[in-house]
């Protein structure tokens, strides 16, 4: 169980760090990597930057705060997966260098590890005595 927690928190920490880095770099240093700006380079609309920044902030908070319900954490995982797959597609579409395409692929794999260990750590909590399903089966008359 301790090993599972270490793997979960390490992979989750990496994802939180990557998403925080992307928030900062796309918000404050957008022209550092691409002179025209990252969103313009990837042919993405400017309004998407605001939407992604807000979603990533909420997603990072959802993953790092233990008191957040697991369903909300699952939405954060799903949102980050969509973001990373979209990054792979966007970098491939503009014919970026190989490492620009591999970067989100690697982090997608780390996200999957984090999610699988999230589920693994949730499973024992569901099997504890006294935990009842949300909708108990109706008793026969």
N, C-alpha and C. Protein backbone atom coordinates (compact mmCIF):
# COMPACT_ATOMS: atom_id res chain seq x y z
N UNK A 1 0.83 -1.20 0.00
CA UNK A 1 0.00 0.00 0.00
C UNK A 1 0.87 1.26 0.00
N UNK A 2 1.96 1.25 0.77
CA UNK A 2 2.84 2.41 0.83
C UNK A 2 3.48 2.66 -0.53
N UNK A 3 3.90 1.58 -1.22
CA UNK A 3 4.51 1.70 -2.54
C UNK A 3 3.50 2.31 -3.53
N UNK A 4 2.24 1.90 -3.43
CA UNK A 4 1.20 2.43 -4.31
C UNK A 4 1.01 3.93 -4.10
N UNK A 5 1.04 4.35 -2.84
CA UNK A 5 0.89 5.78 -2.54
C UNK A 5 2.06 6.58 -3.08
N UNK A 6 3.26 6.03 -2.97
CA UNK A 6 4.44 6.73 -3.49
C UNK A 6 4.35 6.88 -5.00
N UNK A 7 3.97 5.82 -5.68
CA UNK A 7 3.83 5.88 -7.14
C UNK A 7 2.74 6.87 -7.52
N UNK A 8 1.61 6.81 -6.81
CA UNK A 8 0.50 7.72 -7.10
C UNK A 8 0.91 9.18 -6.93
N UNK A 9 1.50 9.50 -5.77
CA UNK A 9 1.83 10.90 -5.50
C UNK A 9 2.98 11.41 -6.36
N UNK A 10 3.90 10.53 -6.72
CA UNK A 10 5.00 10.94 -7.61
C UNK A 10 4.47 11.25 -9.00
N UNK A 11 3.66 10.35 -9.55
CA UNK A 11 3.12 10.59 -10.89
C UNK A 11 2.15 11.77 -10.90
N UNK A 12 1.36 11.90 -9.86
CA UNK A 12 0.43 13.02 -9.77
C UNK A 12 1.20 14.33 -9.62
N UNK A 13 2.28 14.32 -8.85
CA UNK A 13 3.11 15.51 -8.70
C UNK A 13 3.75 15.94 -10.00
N UNK A 14 4.19 14.96 -10.80
CA UNK A 14 4.76 15.27 -12.11
C UNK A 14 3.71 15.93 -13.00
N UNK A 15 2.51 15.38 -13.03
CA UNK A 15 1.43 15.95 -13.85
C UNK A 15 1.08 17.35 -13.36
N UNK A 16 0.97 17.53 -12.05
CA UNK A 16 0.66 18.86 -11.50
C UNK A 16 1.75 19.87 -11.86
N UNK A 17 3.00 19.43 -11.80
CA UNK A 17 4.12 20.32 -12.14
C UNK A 17 4.09 20.70 -13.62
N UNK A 18 3.84 19.72 -14.47
CA UNK A 18 3.80 19.98 -15.92
C UNK A 18 2.65 20.93 -16.26
N UNK A 19 1.49 20.69 -15.67
CA UNK A 19 0.35 21.56 -15.95
C UNK A 19 0.58 22.97 -15.40
N UNK A 20 1.18 23.07 -14.23
CA UNK A 20 1.50 24.39 -13.67
C UNK A 20 2.51 25.11 -14.55
N UNK A 21 3.52 24.37 -15.02
CA UNK A 21 4.50 24.96 -15.93
C UNK A 21 3.83 25.47 -17.21
N UNK A 22 2.89 24.67 -17.75
CA UNK A 22 2.22 25.12 -18.98
C UNK A 22 1.34 26.34 -18.73
N UNK A 23 0.73 26.41 -17.56
CA UNK A 23 -0.06 27.60 -17.21
C UNK A 23 0.83 28.83 -17.22
N UNK A 24 1.97 28.73 -16.55
CA UNK A 24 2.87 29.87 -16.43
C UNK A 24 3.48 30.23 -17.79
N UNK A 25 3.94 29.20 -18.51
CA UNK A 25 4.63 29.49 -19.78
C UNK A 25 3.68 30.05 -20.83
N UNK A 26 2.47 29.51 -20.93
CA UNK A 26 1.54 30.02 -21.94
C UNK A 26 0.92 31.35 -21.55
N UNK A 27 0.87 31.63 -20.25
CA UNK A 27 0.28 32.89 -19.80
C UNK A 27 1.29 34.04 -19.80
N UNK A 28 2.49 33.78 -19.28
CA UNK A 28 3.45 34.86 -19.10
C UNK A 28 4.62 34.85 -20.09
N UNK A 29 4.95 33.68 -20.62
CA UNK A 29 6.12 33.57 -21.49
C UNK A 29 5.77 32.90 -22.81
N UNK A 30 4.65 33.27 -23.38
CA UNK A 30 4.16 32.60 -24.59
C UNK A 30 5.13 32.74 -25.76
N UNK A 31 5.85 33.83 -25.84
CA UNK A 31 6.74 34.07 -26.97
C UNK A 31 8.16 33.55 -26.73
N UNK A 32 8.40 32.88 -25.61
CA UNK A 32 9.75 32.40 -25.31
C UNK A 32 10.18 31.27 -26.24
N UNK A 33 9.30 30.33 -26.51
CA UNK A 33 9.66 29.18 -27.35
C UNK A 33 9.44 29.49 -28.83
N UNK A 34 8.28 30.06 -29.13
CA UNK A 34 7.94 30.40 -30.51
C UNK A 34 7.80 31.91 -30.61
N UNK A 35 8.54 32.55 -31.51
CA UNK A 35 8.49 34.02 -31.62
C UNK A 35 7.08 34.56 -31.87
N UNK A 36 6.27 33.80 -32.63
CA UNK A 36 4.91 34.25 -32.92
C UNK A 36 3.94 33.95 -31.79
N UNK A 37 4.37 33.19 -30.80
CA UNK A 37 3.50 32.79 -29.70
C UNK A 37 3.07 31.35 -29.90
N UNK A 38 2.99 30.62 -28.79
CA UNK A 38 2.69 29.19 -28.87
C UNK A 38 1.32 28.91 -29.47
N UNK A 39 0.32 29.66 -29.06
CA UNK A 39 -1.02 29.39 -29.57
C UNK A 39 -1.13 29.72 -31.05
N UNK A 40 -0.50 30.79 -31.47
CA UNK A 40 -0.51 31.13 -32.89
C UNK A 40 0.29 30.10 -33.69
N UNK A 41 1.41 29.64 -33.15
CA UNK A 41 2.22 28.62 -33.81
C UNK A 41 1.43 27.34 -34.03
N UNK A 42 0.61 26.98 -33.05
CA UNK A 42 -0.19 25.76 -33.13
C UNK A 42 -1.54 25.98 -33.82
N UNK A 43 -1.76 27.19 -34.29
CA UNK A 43 -3.01 27.56 -34.99
C UNK A 43 -4.23 27.38 -34.09
N UNK A 44 -4.07 27.76 -32.83
CA UNK A 44 -5.17 27.69 -31.87
C UNK A 44 -5.73 29.09 -31.65
N UNK A 45 -7.03 29.20 -31.41
CA UNK A 45 -7.61 30.52 -31.18
C UNK A 45 -7.15 31.11 -29.85
N UNK A 46 -7.07 32.43 -29.80
CA UNK A 46 -6.57 33.13 -28.61
C UNK A 46 -7.46 32.89 -27.39
N UNK A 47 -8.77 32.76 -27.58
CA UNK A 47 -9.67 32.58 -26.45
C UNK A 47 -9.42 31.24 -25.74
N UNK A 48 -8.85 30.28 -26.44
CA UNK A 48 -8.61 28.97 -25.84
C UNK A 48 -7.57 29.06 -24.71
N UNK A 49 -6.69 30.04 -24.78
CA UNK A 49 -5.67 30.21 -23.75
C UNK A 49 -6.32 30.47 -22.39
N UNK A 50 -7.32 31.33 -22.37
CA UNK A 50 -8.00 31.65 -21.11
C UNK A 50 -8.74 30.42 -20.58
N UNK A 51 -9.43 29.74 -21.46
CA UNK A 51 -10.19 28.55 -21.08
C UNK A 51 -9.27 27.46 -20.54
N UNK A 52 -8.17 27.20 -21.24
CA UNK A 52 -7.22 26.17 -20.80
C UNK A 52 -6.55 26.54 -19.48
N UNK A 53 -6.22 27.80 -19.32
CA UNK A 53 -5.58 28.24 -18.08
C UNK A 53 -6.49 28.01 -16.88
N UNK A 54 -7.74 28.40 -17.00
CA UNK A 54 -8.69 28.22 -15.89
C UNK A 54 -8.92 26.73 -15.63
N UNK A 55 -9.10 25.95 -16.70
CA UNK A 55 -9.34 24.51 -16.54
C UNK A 55 -8.14 23.81 -15.92
N UNK A 56 -6.93 24.20 -16.32
CA UNK A 56 -5.73 23.57 -15.76
C UNK A 56 -5.55 23.94 -14.29
N UNK A 57 -5.83 25.17 -13.93
CA UNK A 57 -5.73 25.57 -12.51
C UNK A 57 -6.70 24.74 -11.67
N UNK A 58 -7.94 24.63 -12.14
CA UNK A 58 -8.94 23.84 -11.39
C UNK A 58 -8.56 22.37 -11.35
N UNK A 59 -8.02 21.86 -12.46
CA UNK A 59 -7.62 20.46 -12.52
C UNK A 59 -6.46 20.14 -11.58
N UNK A 60 -5.48 21.01 -11.53
CA UNK A 60 -4.33 20.82 -10.62
C UNK A 60 -4.83 20.83 -9.18
N UNK A 61 -5.69 21.77 -8.85
CA UNK A 61 -6.23 21.83 -7.49
C UNK A 61 -7.03 20.57 -7.17
N UNK A 62 -7.81 20.10 -8.13
CA UNK A 62 -8.62 18.89 -7.92
C UNK A 62 -7.74 17.68 -7.65
N UNK A 63 -6.62 17.57 -8.35
CA UNK A 63 -5.76 16.41 -8.15
C UNK A 63 -4.96 16.49 -6.84
N UNK A 64 -4.60 17.68 -6.43
CA UNK A 64 -3.70 17.81 -5.27
C UNK A 64 -4.41 17.91 -3.93
N UNK A 65 -5.66 18.36 -3.92
CA UNK A 65 -6.38 18.51 -2.65
C UNK A 65 -7.08 17.20 -2.32
N UNK A 66 -6.67 16.53 -1.25
CA UNK A 66 -7.24 15.21 -0.94
C UNK A 66 -8.74 15.21 -0.66
N UNK A 67 -9.30 16.31 -0.16
CA UNK A 67 -10.71 16.34 0.21
C UNK A 67 -11.66 16.45 -0.98
N UNK A 68 -11.12 16.65 -2.17
CA UNK A 68 -11.97 16.77 -3.37
C UNK A 68 -12.59 15.40 -3.66
N UNK A 69 -13.89 15.35 -3.96
CA UNK A 69 -14.54 14.07 -4.27
C UNK A 69 -13.90 13.38 -5.48
N UNK A 70 -13.92 12.06 -5.46
CA UNK A 70 -13.24 11.29 -6.50
C UNK A 70 -13.84 11.51 -7.89
N UNK A 71 -15.13 11.77 -7.98
CA UNK A 71 -15.74 12.02 -9.30
C UNK A 71 -15.18 13.30 -9.92
N UNK A 72 -14.93 14.31 -9.13
CA UNK A 72 -14.34 15.55 -9.65
C UNK A 72 -12.91 15.30 -10.07
N UNK A 73 -12.17 14.48 -9.31
CA UNK A 73 -10.81 14.11 -9.69
C UNK A 73 -10.82 13.38 -11.04
N UNK A 74 -11.81 12.53 -11.26
CA UNK A 74 -11.90 11.81 -12.53
C UNK A 74 -12.15 12.78 -13.69
N UNK A 75 -12.93 13.81 -13.46
CA UNK A 75 -13.12 14.84 -14.49
C UNK A 75 -11.80 15.54 -14.80
N UNK A 76 -11.00 15.80 -13.77
CA UNK A 76 -9.70 16.44 -13.97
C UNK A 76 -8.79 15.53 -14.80
N UNK A 77 -8.77 14.25 -14.48
CA UNK A 77 -7.96 13.30 -15.26
C UNK A 77 -8.42 13.29 -16.72
N UNK A 78 -9.71 13.25 -16.92
CA UNK A 78 -10.26 13.23 -18.29
C UNK A 78 -9.89 14.50 -19.04
N UNK A 79 -10.01 15.63 -18.36
CA UNK A 79 -9.66 16.92 -18.99
C UNK A 79 -8.19 17.00 -19.35
N UNK A 80 -7.32 16.52 -18.46
CA UNK A 80 -5.89 16.52 -18.76
C UNK A 80 -5.57 15.56 -19.89
N UNK A 81 -6.26 14.44 -19.95
CA UNK A 81 -6.04 13.50 -21.06
C UNK A 81 -6.42 14.14 -22.39
N UNK A 82 -7.55 14.83 -22.41
CA UNK A 82 -7.96 15.52 -23.64
C UNK A 82 -6.94 16.59 -24.01
N UNK A 83 -6.45 17.32 -23.03
CA UNK A 83 -5.45 18.37 -23.27
C UNK A 83 -4.18 17.78 -23.87
N UNK A 84 -3.70 16.67 -23.31
CA UNK A 84 -2.46 16.08 -23.80
C UNK A 84 -2.62 15.45 -25.18
N UNK A 85 -3.75 14.79 -25.42
CA UNK A 85 -4.00 14.24 -26.76
C UNK A 85 -4.12 15.37 -27.77
N UNK A 86 -4.78 16.45 -27.39
CA UNK A 86 -4.90 17.62 -28.29
C UNK A 86 -3.53 18.24 -28.57
N UNK A 87 -2.65 18.25 -27.57
CA UNK A 87 -1.29 18.78 -27.77
C UNK A 87 -0.52 17.91 -28.76
N UNK A 88 -0.67 16.60 -28.64
CA UNK A 88 -0.02 15.68 -29.58
C UNK A 88 -0.50 15.96 -31.00
N UNK A 89 -1.81 16.09 -31.15
CA UNK A 89 -2.39 16.35 -32.47
C UNK A 89 -1.94 17.71 -33.00
N UNK A 90 -1.97 18.73 -32.15
CA UNK A 90 -1.60 20.08 -32.58
C UNK A 90 -0.15 20.15 -33.02
N UNK A 91 0.75 19.55 -32.25
CA UNK A 91 2.17 19.58 -32.63
C UNK A 91 2.42 18.75 -33.89
N UNK A 92 1.69 17.66 -34.05
CA UNK A 92 1.85 16.85 -35.26
C UNK A 92 1.34 17.58 -36.50
N UNK A 93 0.25 18.30 -36.35
CA UNK A 93 -0.37 19.01 -37.47
C UNK A 93 0.52 20.10 -38.03
N UNK A 94 1.27 20.79 -37.16
CA UNK A 94 2.14 21.88 -37.63
C UNK A 94 3.55 21.39 -37.92
N UNK A 95 3.75 20.08 -37.94
CA UNK A 95 5.04 19.46 -38.26
C UNK A 95 6.16 19.92 -37.32
N UNK A 96 5.86 19.95 -36.04
CA UNK A 96 6.89 20.29 -35.05
C UNK A 96 7.92 19.17 -34.96
N UNK A 97 9.00 19.46 -34.27
CA UNK A 97 10.05 18.47 -34.09
C UNK A 97 9.53 17.28 -33.28
N UNK A 98 10.21 16.15 -33.43
CA UNK A 98 9.79 14.90 -32.79
C UNK A 98 9.64 15.03 -31.28
N UNK A 99 10.58 15.72 -30.62
CA UNK A 99 10.50 15.83 -29.16
C UNK A 99 9.32 16.67 -28.71
N UNK A 100 8.84 17.59 -29.56
CA UNK A 100 7.65 18.37 -29.21
C UNK A 100 6.39 17.51 -29.26
N UNK A 101 6.44 16.45 -30.05
CA UNK A 101 5.31 15.52 -30.14
C UNK A 101 5.42 14.46 -29.04
N UNK A 102 6.63 14.01 -28.76
CA UNK A 102 6.84 12.98 -27.74
C UNK A 102 6.60 13.49 -26.32
N UNK A 103 6.86 14.76 -26.10
CA UNK A 103 6.70 15.35 -24.78
C UNK A 103 5.29 15.12 -24.22
N UNK A 104 4.22 15.52 -24.93
CA UNK A 104 2.89 15.25 -24.37
C UNK A 104 2.55 13.75 -24.32
N UNK A 105 3.16 12.95 -25.21
CA UNK A 105 2.92 11.50 -25.15
C UNK A 105 3.46 10.90 -23.85
N UNK A 106 4.65 11.34 -23.46
CA UNK A 106 5.25 10.84 -22.23
C UNK A 106 4.40 11.25 -21.03
N UNK A 107 3.95 12.50 -21.02
CA UNK A 107 3.14 12.96 -19.89
C UNK A 107 1.75 12.31 -19.89
N UNK A 108 1.26 11.93 -21.06
CA UNK A 108 0.00 11.18 -21.11
C UNK A 108 0.18 9.81 -20.45
N UNK A 109 1.31 9.17 -20.69
CA UNK A 109 1.60 7.89 -20.04
C UNK A 109 1.71 8.06 -18.53
N UNK A 110 2.34 9.13 -18.08
CA UNK A 110 2.45 9.39 -16.64
C UNK A 110 1.06 9.67 -16.05
N UNK A 111 0.23 10.38 -16.79
CA UNK A 111 -1.15 10.65 -16.35
C UNK A 111 -1.92 9.35 -16.19
N UNK A 112 -1.73 8.43 -17.12
CA UNK A 112 -2.41 7.13 -17.04
C UNK A 112 -1.95 6.36 -15.80
N UNK A 113 -0.65 6.39 -15.53
CA UNK A 113 -0.13 5.74 -14.31
C UNK A 113 -0.77 6.36 -13.07
N UNK A 114 -0.83 7.68 -13.02
CA UNK A 114 -1.44 8.37 -11.89
C UNK A 114 -2.90 7.95 -11.73
N UNK A 115 -3.63 7.88 -12.83
CA UNK A 115 -5.05 7.52 -12.76
C UNK A 115 -5.23 6.07 -12.31
N UNK A 116 -4.41 5.17 -12.84
CA UNK A 116 -4.54 3.76 -12.45
C UNK A 116 -4.26 3.57 -10.96
N UNK A 117 -3.27 4.28 -10.45
CA UNK A 117 -2.98 4.17 -9.02
C UNK A 117 -4.01 4.92 -8.18
N UNK A 118 -4.60 5.96 -8.73
CA UNK A 118 -5.72 6.62 -8.06
C UNK A 118 -6.86 5.62 -7.87
N UNK A 119 -7.18 4.89 -8.93
CA UNK A 119 -8.24 3.88 -8.84
C UNK A 119 -7.86 2.76 -7.87
N UNK A 120 -6.60 2.35 -7.92
CA UNK A 120 -6.14 1.28 -7.04
C UNK A 120 -6.24 1.68 -5.58
N UNK A 121 -5.93 2.92 -5.28
CA UNK A 121 -6.02 3.39 -3.89
C UNK A 121 -7.46 3.63 -3.46
N UNK A 122 -8.35 3.88 -4.41
CA UNK A 122 -9.77 4.07 -4.08
C UNK A 122 -10.45 2.75 -3.79
N UNK A 123 -10.00 1.68 -4.41
CA UNK A 123 -10.66 0.38 -4.29
C UNK A 123 -10.75 -0.12 -2.86
N UNK A 124 -9.66 -0.09 -2.06
CA UNK A 124 -9.79 -0.54 -0.68
C UNK A 124 -10.81 0.26 0.12
N UNK A 125 -10.95 1.53 -0.16
CA UNK A 125 -11.92 2.36 0.56
C UNK A 125 -13.34 1.91 0.26
N UNK A 126 -13.57 1.42 -0.94
CA UNK A 126 -14.91 0.96 -1.30
C UNK A 126 -15.22 -0.40 -0.70
N UNK A 127 -14.20 -1.17 -0.32
CA UNK A 127 -14.42 -2.51 0.20
C UNK A 127 -14.46 -2.56 1.73
N UNK A 128 -14.29 -1.43 2.39
CA UNK A 128 -14.33 -1.41 3.85
C UNK A 128 -15.74 -1.73 4.35
N UNK A 129 -15.83 -2.42 5.49
CA UNK A 129 -17.15 -2.71 6.04
C UNK A 129 -17.89 -1.41 6.38
N UNK A 130 -19.17 -1.42 6.16
CA UNK A 130 -19.97 -0.25 6.47
C UNK A 130 -20.21 0.67 5.29
N UNK A 131 -19.42 0.54 4.23
CA UNK A 131 -19.65 1.35 3.03
C UNK A 131 -20.82 0.78 2.26
N UNK A 132 -21.82 1.57 2.08
CA UNK A 132 -23.01 1.14 1.36
C UNK A 132 -23.03 1.76 -0.03
N UNK A 133 -23.58 1.06 -1.01
CA UNK A 133 -23.69 1.67 -2.34
C UNK A 133 -24.66 2.85 -2.29
N UNK A 134 -24.54 3.74 -3.27
CA UNK A 134 -25.42 4.91 -3.32
C UNK A 134 -26.88 4.50 -3.44
N UNK A 135 -27.15 3.50 -4.24
CA UNK A 135 -28.50 3.04 -4.47
C UNK A 135 -28.60 1.57 -4.08
N UNK A 136 -28.88 1.30 -2.83
CA UNK A 136 -28.94 -0.12 -2.41
C UNK A 136 -30.03 -0.85 -3.15
N UNK A 137 -29.81 -2.13 -3.36
CA UNK A 137 -30.80 -2.96 -4.07
C UNK A 137 -32.08 -3.00 -3.25
N UNK A 138 -33.19 -3.01 -3.97
CA UNK A 138 -34.48 -3.08 -3.29
C UNK A 138 -34.67 -4.46 -2.69
N UNK A 139 -35.19 -4.49 -1.50
CA UNK A 139 -35.41 -5.77 -0.85
C UNK A 139 -36.72 -6.38 -1.35
N UNK A 140 -36.70 -7.69 -1.51
CA UNK A 140 -37.92 -8.39 -1.96
C UNK A 140 -38.94 -8.39 -0.84
N UNK A 141 -40.19 -8.27 -1.21
CA UNK A 141 -41.25 -8.26 -0.21
C UNK A 141 -41.54 -9.60 0.28
